C-alpha atoms as a PDB file:
ATOM      1  CA  MET A   1      97.755 -31.994  83.849  1.00  0.00           C
ATOM      2  CA  ASN A   2     102.038 -31.956  82.953  1.00  0.00           C
ATOM      3  CA  ALA A   3     102.134 -31.361  79.501  1.00  0.00           C
ATOM      4  CA  ASP A   4     105.058 -34.108  79.311  1.00  0.00           C
ATOM      5  CA  GLN A   5     101.916 -36.604  79.824  1.00  0.00           C
ATOM      6  CA  ASN A   6     101.352 -38.873  77.016  1.00  0.00           C
ATOM      7  CA  SER A   7      98.282 -37.744  75.176  1.00  0.00           C
ATOM      8  CA  SER A   8      96.907 -41.006  74.860  1.00  0.00           C
ATOM      9  CA  ASP A   9      96.411 -41.144  78.342  1.00  0.00           C
ATOM     10  CA  SER A  10      92.889 -40.182  80.207  1.00  0.00           C
ATOM     11  CA  PRO A  11      92.882 -37.428  82.201  1.00  0.00           C
ATOM     12  CA  ARG A  12      90.394 -37.411  84.932  1.00  0.00           C
ATOM     13  CA  VAL A  13      87.752 -34.505  83.856  1.00  0.00           C
ATOM     14  CA  ILE A  14      85.864 -32.655  87.420  1.00  0.00           C
ATOM     15  CA  ALA A  15      83.275 -30.167  86.552  1.00  0.00           C
ATOM     16  CA  VAL A  16      83.029 -27.659  89.139  1.00  0.00           C
ATOM     17  CA  MET A  17      79.299 -25.569  89.623  1.00  0.00           C
ATOM     18  CA  PRO A  18      79.334 -22.941  91.672  1.00  0.00           C
ATOM     19  CA  ALA A  19      75.751 -22.469  92.098  1.00  0.00           C
ATOM     20  CA  TYR A  20      73.080 -20.230  94.080  1.00  0.00           C
ATOM     21  CA  ASN A  21      69.055 -20.528  93.529  1.00  0.00           C
ATOM     22  CA  ALA A  22      69.936 -22.645  90.286  1.00  0.00           C
ATOM     23  CA  SER A  23      66.802 -25.210  90.916  1.00  0.00           C
ATOM     24  CA  ALA A  24      65.321 -23.918  87.675  1.00  0.00           C
ATOM     25  CA  THR A  25      68.190 -24.562  85.189  1.00  0.00           C
ATOM     26  CA  LEU A  26      70.408 -26.880  87.095  1.00  0.00           C
ATOM     27  CA  GLU A  27      68.957 -29.837  85.035  1.00  0.00           C
ATOM     28  CA  LYS A  28      69.155 -28.317  81.420  1.00  0.00           C
ATOM     29  CA  THR A  29      73.001 -27.844  81.854  1.00  0.00           C
ATOM     30  CA  LEU A  30      73.444 -31.323  82.895  1.00  0.00           C
ATOM     31  CA  ASN A  31      71.328 -32.709  80.480  1.00  0.00           C
ATOM     32  CA  ASP A  32      73.386 -30.871  77.718  1.00  0.00           C
ATOM     33  CA  ILE A  33      76.874 -32.261  79.383  1.00  0.00           C
ATOM     34  CA  PRO A  34      77.844 -35.284  76.055  1.00  0.00           C
ATOM     35  CA  GLU A  35      77.892 -38.247  78.051  1.00  0.00           C
ATOM     36  CA  GLY A  36      81.373 -39.563  79.203  1.00  0.00           C
ATOM     37  CA  SER A  37      82.806 -36.284  78.870  1.00  0.00           C
ATOM     38  CA  VAL A  38      83.252 -35.654  82.879  1.00  0.00           C
ATOM     39  CA  GLU A  39      84.010 -38.138  86.178  1.00  0.00           C
ATOM     40  CA  GLU A  40      82.518 -36.313  88.358  1.00  0.00           C
ATOM     41  CA  ILE A  41      80.456 -32.792  88.980  1.00  0.00           C
ATOM     42  CA  ILE A  42      80.886 -30.588  91.917  1.00  0.00           C
ATOM     43  CA  LEU A  43      77.901 -28.584  92.778  1.00  0.00           C
ATOM     44  CA  VAL A  44      79.090 -25.850  95.414  1.00  0.00           C
ATOM     45  CA  ASP A  45      75.944 -24.227  97.296  1.00  0.00           C
ATOM     46  CA  ASP A  46      76.239 -20.910  98.333  1.00  0.00           C
ATOM     47  CA  CYS A  47      74.099 -20.636 100.673  1.00  0.00           C
ATOM     48  CA  SER A  48      70.414 -20.848  98.200  1.00  0.00           C
ATOM     49  CA  THR A  49      66.933 -20.305  99.113  1.00  0.00           C
ATOM     50  CA  ASP A  50      65.348 -23.122  96.600  1.00  0.00           C
ATOM     51  CA  ASN A  51      65.526 -26.584  96.271  1.00  0.00           C
ATOM     52  CA  THR A  52      69.065 -26.765  94.508  1.00  0.00           C
ATOM     53  CA  VAL A  53      70.324 -28.887  96.754  1.00  0.00           C
ATOM     54  CA  GLU A  54      67.897 -31.628  97.144  1.00  0.00           C
ATOM     55  CA  LEU A  55      67.391 -31.315  93.025  1.00  0.00           C
ATOM     56  CA  ALA A  56      71.436 -31.725  92.787  1.00  0.00           C
ATOM     57  CA  ARG A  57      71.311 -35.072  94.699  1.00  0.00           C
ATOM     58  CA  SER A  58      68.997 -36.312  93.246  1.00  0.00           C
ATOM     59  CA  LEU A  59      70.460 -35.858  90.100  1.00  0.00           C
ATOM     60  CA  GLY A  60      73.492 -38.007  91.324  1.00  0.00           C
ATOM     61  CA  LEU A  61      76.279 -34.625  91.913  1.00  0.00           C
ATOM     62  CA  THR A  62      78.420 -34.649  94.762  1.00  0.00           C
ATOM     63  CA  VAL A  63      76.968 -31.694  96.770  1.00  0.00           C
ATOM     64  CA  ILE A  64      78.627 -29.312  98.866  1.00  0.00           C
ATOM     65  CA  GLU A  65      77.135 -26.906 101.014  1.00  0.00           C
ATOM     66  CA  HIS A  66      78.344 -23.846 102.422  1.00  0.00           C
ATOM     67  CA  LYS A  67      77.415 -22.613 106.178  1.00  0.00           C
ATOM     68  CA  LYS A  68      76.936 -19.438 105.287  1.00  0.00           C
ATOM     69  CA  ASN A  69      77.005 -17.114 101.966  1.00  0.00           C
ATOM     70  CA  ARG A  70      80.558 -16.632 100.642  1.00  0.00           C
ATOM     71  CA  GLY A  71      80.054 -14.540  97.545  1.00  0.00           C
ATOM     72  CA  TYR A  72      80.845 -15.857  93.862  1.00  0.00           C
ATOM     73  CA  GLY A  73      84.743 -15.962  94.680  1.00  0.00           C
ATOM     74  CA  GLY A  74      84.054 -17.514  97.699  1.00  0.00           C
ATOM     75  CA  ASN A  75      81.756 -20.324  96.051  1.00  0.00           C
ATOM     76  CA  GLN A  76      84.698 -20.785  93.168  1.00  0.00           C
ATOM     77  CA  LYS A  77      87.539 -21.534  96.218  1.00  0.00           C
ATOM     78  CA  THR A  78      85.276 -24.385  97.414  1.00  0.00           C
ATOM     79  CA  CYS A  79      84.943 -25.543  94.120  1.00  0.00           C
ATOM     80  CA  TYR A  80      88.527 -25.880  92.985  1.00  0.00           C
ATOM     81  CA  ALA A  81      89.801 -27.366  96.043  1.00  0.00           C
ATOM     82  CA  GLU A  82      87.318 -30.069  96.135  1.00  0.00           C
ATOM     83  CA  ALA A  83      88.169 -30.800  92.565  1.00  0.00           C
ATOM     84  CA  LEU A  84      92.086 -31.129  93.675  1.00  0.00           C
ATOM     85  CA  LEU A  85      91.208 -33.729  96.537  1.00  0.00           C
ATOM     86  CA  ARG A  86      89.472 -35.791  94.293  1.00  0.00           C
ATOM     87  CA  GLU A  87      92.488 -36.367  92.173  1.00  0.00           C
ATOM     88  CA  ALA A  88      91.413 -34.228  89.142  1.00  0.00           C
ATOM     89  CA  ASP A  89      93.637 -33.426  86.292  1.00  0.00           C
ATOM     90  CA  VAL A  90      91.346 -31.047  84.284  1.00  0.00           C
ATOM     91  CA  ILE A  91      88.668 -29.146  85.676  1.00  0.00           C
ATOM     92  CA  VAL A  92      85.684 -26.925  84.178  1.00  0.00           C
ATOM     93  CA  MET A  93      83.931 -24.795  85.534  1.00  0.00           C
ATOM     94  CA  ILE A  94      80.832 -24.149  84.341  1.00  0.00           C
ATOM     95  CA  HIS A  95      77.833 -22.093  85.660  1.00  0.00           C
ATOM     96  CA  PRO A  96      74.790 -24.300  86.238  1.00  0.00           C
ATOM     97  CA  ASP A  97      72.167 -21.343  85.235  1.00  0.00           C
ATOM     98  CA  TYR A  98      71.789 -22.370  81.700  1.00  0.00           C
ATOM     99  CA  GLN A  99      73.749 -19.796  80.481  1.00  0.00           C
ATOM    100  CA  TYR A 100      76.809 -21.365  79.022  1.00  0.00           C
ATOM    101  CA  ASP A 101      76.776 -24.179  75.860  1.00  0.00           C
ATOM    102  CA  SER A 102      78.298 -27.080  78.127  1.00  0.00           C
ATOM    103  CA  ARG A 103      78.255 -29.101  74.989  1.00  0.00           C
ATOM    104  CA  VAL A 104      81.931 -27.910  74.409  1.00  0.00           C
ATOM    105  CA  ILE A 105      83.519 -29.406  77.771  1.00  0.00           C
ATOM    106  CA  PRO A 106      85.104 -32.098  75.817  1.00  0.00           C
ATOM    107  CA  LEU A 107      86.742 -29.838  73.521  1.00  0.00           C
ATOM    108  CA  ALA A 108      88.276 -27.264  75.956  1.00  0.00           C
ATOM    109  CA  SER A 109      89.161 -30.623  78.190  1.00  0.00           C
ATOM    110  CA  GLN A 110      91.002 -31.916  75.103  1.00  0.00           C
ATOM    111  CA  LEU A 111      93.583 -28.731  74.735  1.00  0.00           C
ATOM    112  CA  ILE A 112      94.193 -28.661  77.692  1.00  0.00           C
ATOM    113  CA  HIS A 113      95.193 -32.651  77.848  1.00  0.00           C
ATOM    114  CA  LEU A 114      97.211 -32.115  75.292  1.00  0.00           C
ATOM    115  CA  GLY A 115      98.999 -29.180  76.659  1.00  0.00           C
ATOM    116  CA  ILE A 116      97.765 -26.432  74.353  1.00  0.00           C
ATOM    117  CA  CYS A 117      97.060 -24.101  76.717  1.00  0.00           C
ATOM    118  CA  ASP A 118      97.015 -24.291  80.773  1.00  0.00           C
ATOM    119  CA  CYS A 119      93.537 -22.530  80.584  1.00  0.00           C
ATOM    120  CA  ILE A 120      91.090 -21.885  78.161  1.00  0.00           C
ATOM    121  CA  LEU A 121      88.085 -19.991  78.213  1.00  0.00           C
ATOM    122  CA  GLY A 122      84.665 -19.550  76.331  1.00  0.00           C
ATOM    123  CA  SER A 123      84.452 -16.456  74.658  1.00  0.00           C
ATOM    124  CA  ARG A 124      80.608 -15.367  73.910  1.00  0.00           C
ATOM    125  CA  ILE A 125      81.398 -12.755  71.763  1.00  0.00           C
ATOM    126  CA  ARG A 126      82.219 -14.336  68.244  1.00  0.00           C
ATOM    127  CA  SER A 127      80.636 -11.762  66.340  1.00  0.00           C
ATOM    128  CA  ARG A 128      78.302  -8.805  67.564  1.00  0.00           C
ATOM    129  CA  GLU A 129      74.877  -9.694  65.876  1.00  0.00           C
ATOM    130  CA  GLU A 130      75.109 -13.246  67.478  1.00  0.00           C
ATOM    131  CA  ALA A 131      76.120 -11.705  71.483  1.00  0.00           C
ATOM    132  CA  LEU A 132      73.501  -9.243  71.086  1.00  0.00           C
ATOM    133  CA  ALA A 133      70.914 -11.875  69.635  1.00  0.00           C
ATOM    134  CA  GLY A 134      71.656 -14.349  72.729  1.00  0.00           C
ATOM    135  CA  GLY A 135      70.096 -11.599  74.861  1.00  0.00           C
ATOM    136  CA  MET A 136      72.981  -9.595  76.136  1.00  0.00           C
ATOM    137  CA  PRO A 137      72.658  -6.584  77.808  1.00  0.00           C
ATOM    138  CA  ARG A 138      74.603  -4.050  74.759  1.00  0.00           C
ATOM    139  CA  TYR A 139      75.870  -2.236  77.720  1.00  0.00           C
ATOM    140  CA  LYS A 140      77.479  -5.593  78.960  1.00  0.00           C
ATOM    141  CA  TYR A 141      78.122  -5.781  75.572  1.00  0.00           C
ATOM    142  CA  ILE A 142      80.041  -2.616  74.861  1.00  0.00           C
ATOM    143  CA  ALA A 143      81.646  -2.759  78.549  1.00  0.00           C
ATOM    144  CA  ASN A 144      82.853  -6.477  77.630  1.00  0.00           C
ATOM    145  CA  ARG A 145      84.742  -5.462  74.356  1.00  0.00           C
ATOM    146  CA  LEU A 146      86.195  -2.146  76.203  1.00  0.00           C
ATOM    147  CA  LEU A 147      87.853  -4.101  79.339  1.00  0.00           C
ATOM    148  CA  THR A 148      88.676  -7.351  77.262  1.00  0.00           C
ATOM    149  CA  THR A 149      90.752  -4.878  74.630  1.00  0.00           C
ATOM    150  CA  PHE A 150      92.381  -3.509  77.582  1.00  0.00           C
ATOM    151  CA  GLU A 151      92.804  -6.427  79.485  1.00  0.00           C
ATOM    152  CA  ASN A 152      94.562  -7.816  75.706  1.00  0.00           C
ATOM    153  CA  ILE A 153      96.553  -5.225  75.561  1.00  0.00           C
ATOM    154  CA  ALA A 154      98.066  -4.641  78.741  1.00  0.00           C
ATOM    155  CA  MET A 155      98.690  -8.659  79.127  1.00  0.00           C
ATOM    156  CA  GLY A 156      99.814  -9.374  76.132  1.00  0.00           C
ATOM    157  CA  GLN A 157      97.139 -11.759  75.191  1.00  0.00           C
ATOM    158  CA  ASN A 158      94.558 -11.900  72.316  1.00  0.00           C
ATOM    159  CA  LEU A 159      91.770 -13.076  73.624  1.00  0.00           C
ATOM    160  CA  GLY A 160      87.855 -13.170  72.757  1.00  0.00           C
ATOM    161  CA  ASP A 161      86.427 -12.258  76.156  1.00  0.00           C
ATOM    162  CA  TYR A 162      87.461 -12.437  79.549  1.00  0.00           C
ATOM    163  CA  HIS A 163      84.464 -12.787  81.265  1.00  0.00           C
ATOM    164  CA  SER A 164      83.491 -15.983  80.627  1.00  0.00           C
ATOM    165  CA  GLY A 165      81.538 -18.023  83.255  1.00  0.00           C
ATOM    166  CA  PHE A 166      82.996 -20.908  81.230  1.00  0.00           C
ATOM    167  CA  ARG A 167      86.366 -21.648  82.123  1.00  0.00           C
ATOM    168  CA  ALA A 168      88.980 -24.862  81.607  1.00  0.00           C
ATOM    169  CA  TYR A 169      91.812 -25.273  84.144  1.00  0.00           C
ATOM    170  CA  SER A 170      94.615 -27.927  83.705  1.00  0.00           C
ATOM    171  CA  ARG A 171      95.733 -29.195  87.593  1.00  0.00           C
ATOM    172  CA  LYS A 172      99.415 -27.534  87.771  1.00  0.00           C
ATOM    173  CA  VAL A 173      97.283 -24.413  87.543  1.00  0.00           C
ATOM    174  CA  LEU A 174      95.409 -24.725  90.554  1.00  0.00           C
ATOM    175  CA  GLU A 175      98.112 -25.901  92.562  1.00  0.00           C
ATOM    176  CA  THR A 176     100.139 -23.236  91.516  1.00  0.00           C
ATOM    177  CA  ILE A 177      97.853 -19.742  91.935  1.00  0.00           C
ATOM    178  CA  PRO A 178      97.290 -19.050  94.909  1.00  0.00           C
ATOM    179  CA  TYR A 179      93.632 -18.523  94.733  1.00  0.00           C
ATOM    180  CA  GLN A 180      92.553 -18.841  97.931  1.00  0.00           C
ATOM    181  CA  ARG A 181      93.921 -14.713  98.524  1.00  0.00           C
ATOM    182  CA  ASN A 182      91.814 -13.752  95.535  1.00  0.00           C
ATOM    183  CA  SER A 183      88.424 -11.973  96.338  1.00  0.00           C
ATOM    184  CA  GLU A 184      84.943 -13.602  97.597  1.00  0.00           C
ATOM    185  CA  ASP A 185      82.964 -11.387  94.926  1.00  0.00           C
ATOM    186  CA  PHE A 186      82.893 -11.373  91.019  1.00  0.00           C
ATOM    187  CA  VAL A 187      86.790  -9.496  90.422  1.00  0.00           C
ATOM    188  CA  PHE A 188      88.211 -12.635  91.961  1.00  0.00           C
ATOM    189  CA  ASP A 189      87.481 -14.217  87.704  1.00  0.00           C
ATOM    190  CA  SER A 190      89.666 -11.159  86.745  1.00  0.00           C
ATOM    191  CA  GLN A 191      91.834 -11.765  89.855  1.00  0.00           C
ATOM    192  CA  PHE A 192      92.601 -15.446  88.586  1.00  0.00           C
ATOM    193  CA  LEU A 193      92.678 -14.838  84.985  1.00  0.00           C
ATOM    194  CA  VAL A 194      95.860 -12.039  86.172  1.00  0.00           C
ATOM    195  CA  GLN A 195      97.324 -14.210  88.411  1.00  0.00           C
ATOM    196  CA  VAL A 196      97.368 -17.088  85.248  1.00  0.00           C
ATOM    197  CA  VAL A 197      99.299 -14.572  83.219  1.00  0.00           C
ATOM    198  CA  HIS A 198     102.197 -13.319  85.984  1.00  0.00           C
ATOM    199  CA  PHE A 199     102.702 -17.107  86.611  1.00  0.00           C
ATOM    200  CA  GLY A 200     103.127 -17.917  82.955  1.00  0.00           C
ATOM    201  CA  PHE A 201     100.746 -20.146  82.260  1.00  0.00           C
ATOM    202  CA  LYS A 202      99.160 -20.699  78.612  1.00  0.00           C
ATOM    203  CA  LEU A 203      95.276 -18.640  77.858  1.00  0.00           C
ATOM    204  CA  GLY A 204      92.986 -19.719  74.880  1.00  0.00           C
ATOM    205  CA  ASP A 205      89.494 -19.444  74.339  1.00  0.00           C
ATOM    206  CA  ILE A 206      86.881 -21.510  72.481  1.00  0.00           C
ATOM    207  CA  PRO A 207      83.533 -20.088  71.153  1.00  0.00           C
ATOM    208  CA  VAL A 208      80.893 -20.892  73.117  1.00  0.00           C
ATOM    209  CA  PRO A 209      77.011 -19.761  72.924  1.00  0.00           C
ATOM    210  CA  VAL A 210      75.568 -18.073  75.258  1.00  0.00           C
ATOM    211  CA  ARG A 211      72.378 -17.436  76.181  1.00  0.00           C
ATOM    212  CA  TYR A 212      70.821 -14.574  78.145  1.00  0.00           C
ATOM    213  CA  PHE A 213      67.431 -15.080  79.940  1.00  0.00           C
ATOM    214  CA  LYS A 214      65.290 -14.557  83.373  1.00  0.00           C
ATOM    215  CA  GLU A 215      66.608 -17.785  84.909  1.00  0.00           C
ATOM    216  CA  ALA A 216      70.056 -16.854  83.983  1.00  0.00           C
ATOM    217  CA  SER A 217      72.067 -15.420  86.172  1.00  0.00           C
ATOM    218  CA  SER A 218      73.717 -11.929  85.686  1.00  0.00           C
ATOM    219  CA  ILE A 219      74.728  -9.146  88.057  1.00  0.00           C
ATOM    220  CA  ASN A 220      73.092  -5.151  87.837  1.00  0.00           C
ATOM    221  CA  PHE A 221      74.657  -2.333  86.687  1.00  0.00           C
ATOM    222  CA  SER A 222      75.760  -1.155  90.139  1.00  0.00           C
ATOM    223  CA  ARG A 223      77.362  -4.698  90.359  1.00  0.00           C
ATOM    224  CA  SER A 224      78.551  -4.397  86.911  1.00  0.00           C
ATOM    225  CA  THR A 225      80.309  -1.428  87.049  1.00  0.00           C
ATOM    226  CA  LYS A 226      82.064  -1.996  90.459  1.00  0.00           C
ATOM    227  CA  TYR A 227      83.213  -5.207  88.513  1.00  0.00           C
ATOM    228  CA  GLY A 228      84.840  -3.077  86.153  1.00  0.00           C
ATOM    229  CA  LEU A 229      86.260  -0.649  88.252  1.00  0.00           C
ATOM    230  CA  GLN A 230      87.859  -4.277  90.576  1.00  0.00           C
ATOM    231  CA  THR A 231      89.268  -5.283  86.901  1.00  0.00           C
ATOM    232  CA  LEU A 232      91.370  -2.246  85.896  1.00  0.00           C
ATOM    233  CA  VAL A 233      92.759  -2.435  89.569  1.00  0.00           C
ATOM    234  CA  ALA A 234      93.789  -5.884  89.091  1.00  0.00           C
ATOM    235  CA  VAL A 235      95.617  -5.402  85.916  1.00  0.00           C
ATOM    236  CA  ALA A 236      97.158  -2.281  87.237  1.00  0.00           C
ATOM    237  CA  ASN A 237      98.538  -4.916  89.654  1.00  0.00           C
ATOM    238  CA  TYR A 238      99.649  -6.856  87.463  1.00  0.00           C
ATOM    239  CA  TRP A 239     101.931  -4.371  85.815  1.00  0.00           C
ATOM    240  CA  THR A 240     103.426  -2.972  89.639  1.00  0.00           C
ATOM    241  CA  ALA A 241     104.169  -6.498  90.020  1.00  0.00           C
ATOM    242  CA  ARG A 242     106.454  -7.266  86.991  1.00  0.00           C
ATOM    243  CA  LEU A 243     108.394  -3.683  87.119  1.00  0.00           C
ATOM    244  CA  GLY A 244     108.953  -4.215  91.068  1.00  0.00           C
ATOM    245  CA  LEU A 245     106.818  -1.565  92.484  1.00  0.00           C
ATOM    246  CA  TYR A 246     104.330  -3.406  94.430  1.00  0.00           C
ATOM    247  CA  THR A 247     103.311  -7.131  94.321  1.00  0.00           C
ATOM    248  CA  PRO A 248      99.910  -7.610  96.163  1.00  0.00           C
ATOM    249  CA  ASN A 249      99.882 -11.076  97.999  1.00  0.00           C
ATOM    250  CA  TYR A 250      97.654 -12.919  95.584  1.00  0.00           C
ATOM    251  CA  LEU A 251     100.218 -12.593  92.751  1.00  0.00           C
ATOM    252  CA  LYS A 252     103.113 -14.085  95.126  1.00  0.00           C
ATOM    253  CA  PRO A 253     103.871 -17.779  94.865  1.00  0.00           C
ATOM    254  CA  LYS A 254     102.448 -20.300  97.644  1.00  0.00           C
ATOM    255  CA  GLU A 255     105.025 -21.237 100.596  1.00  0.00           C
ATOM    256  CA  PRO A 256     105.657 -24.688 100.207  1.00  0.00           C
ATOM    257  CA  ASP A 257     104.510 -25.930 102.943  1.00  0.00           C
ATOM    258  CA  SER A 258     101.462 -23.951 103.195  1.00  0.00           C
ATOM    259  CA  LYS A 259      97.222 -24.595 103.636  1.00  0.00           C
ATOM    260  CA  GLU A 260      97.164 -23.341 100.800  1.00  0.00           C
ATOM    261  CA  ASN A 261      98.787 -25.917  98.781  1.00  0.00           C
ATOM    262  CA  LEU A 262      96.123 -29.022 100.598  1.00  0.00           C
END
């Protein structure tokens, strides 16, 4: 929402869930969302093979089904476009796999609403001991620390975890950033944060307890390696654009009358 809005106004908070085979964990995730903290929950199903869609509808969620699998980034594109169409002031993205603690949604929303930050990430790494005790694989912990440190230095930020699946945004962020041009794969997240910094928005984070277990979604080592390399390219794009050497399409402003603004 706009920073000049009165902080006493109640923002319309919408939670979005990019889902794929989440039936085993969806209800647990929903049960932890504090009552009254969101006005609507949108679940976008990316061609699940289980009963995610049926369960989500029975639980009263707004459900949108992709006709073909678009990938994690493609799923988020639909999530955010729908949230904007439904007049969201604050948009919270949380995975329906019960990996992230959804009890912190009101805190993240309030930080956005007050104009303290435009984008909030949930940091899974308050301490090394806690992250590993929560089940984070050691190689992922090490890769996360290296990538996050590099990203902080390269983009002048001070975040604890760039690679979290818990995120909250102001409406202005989604209206400004050309996220529809991003990858439809996992690197969508990294490109999005590069866009947030590139377009001058304020980033912040809050600690979010995380759970790694069998049903929680997680990409394997090879996909993680690909994601890490693509993240380095995204950060390099930030600098080539800043230096005026090369600006990829996803870092160029939206056209005023573009369909991206719908």
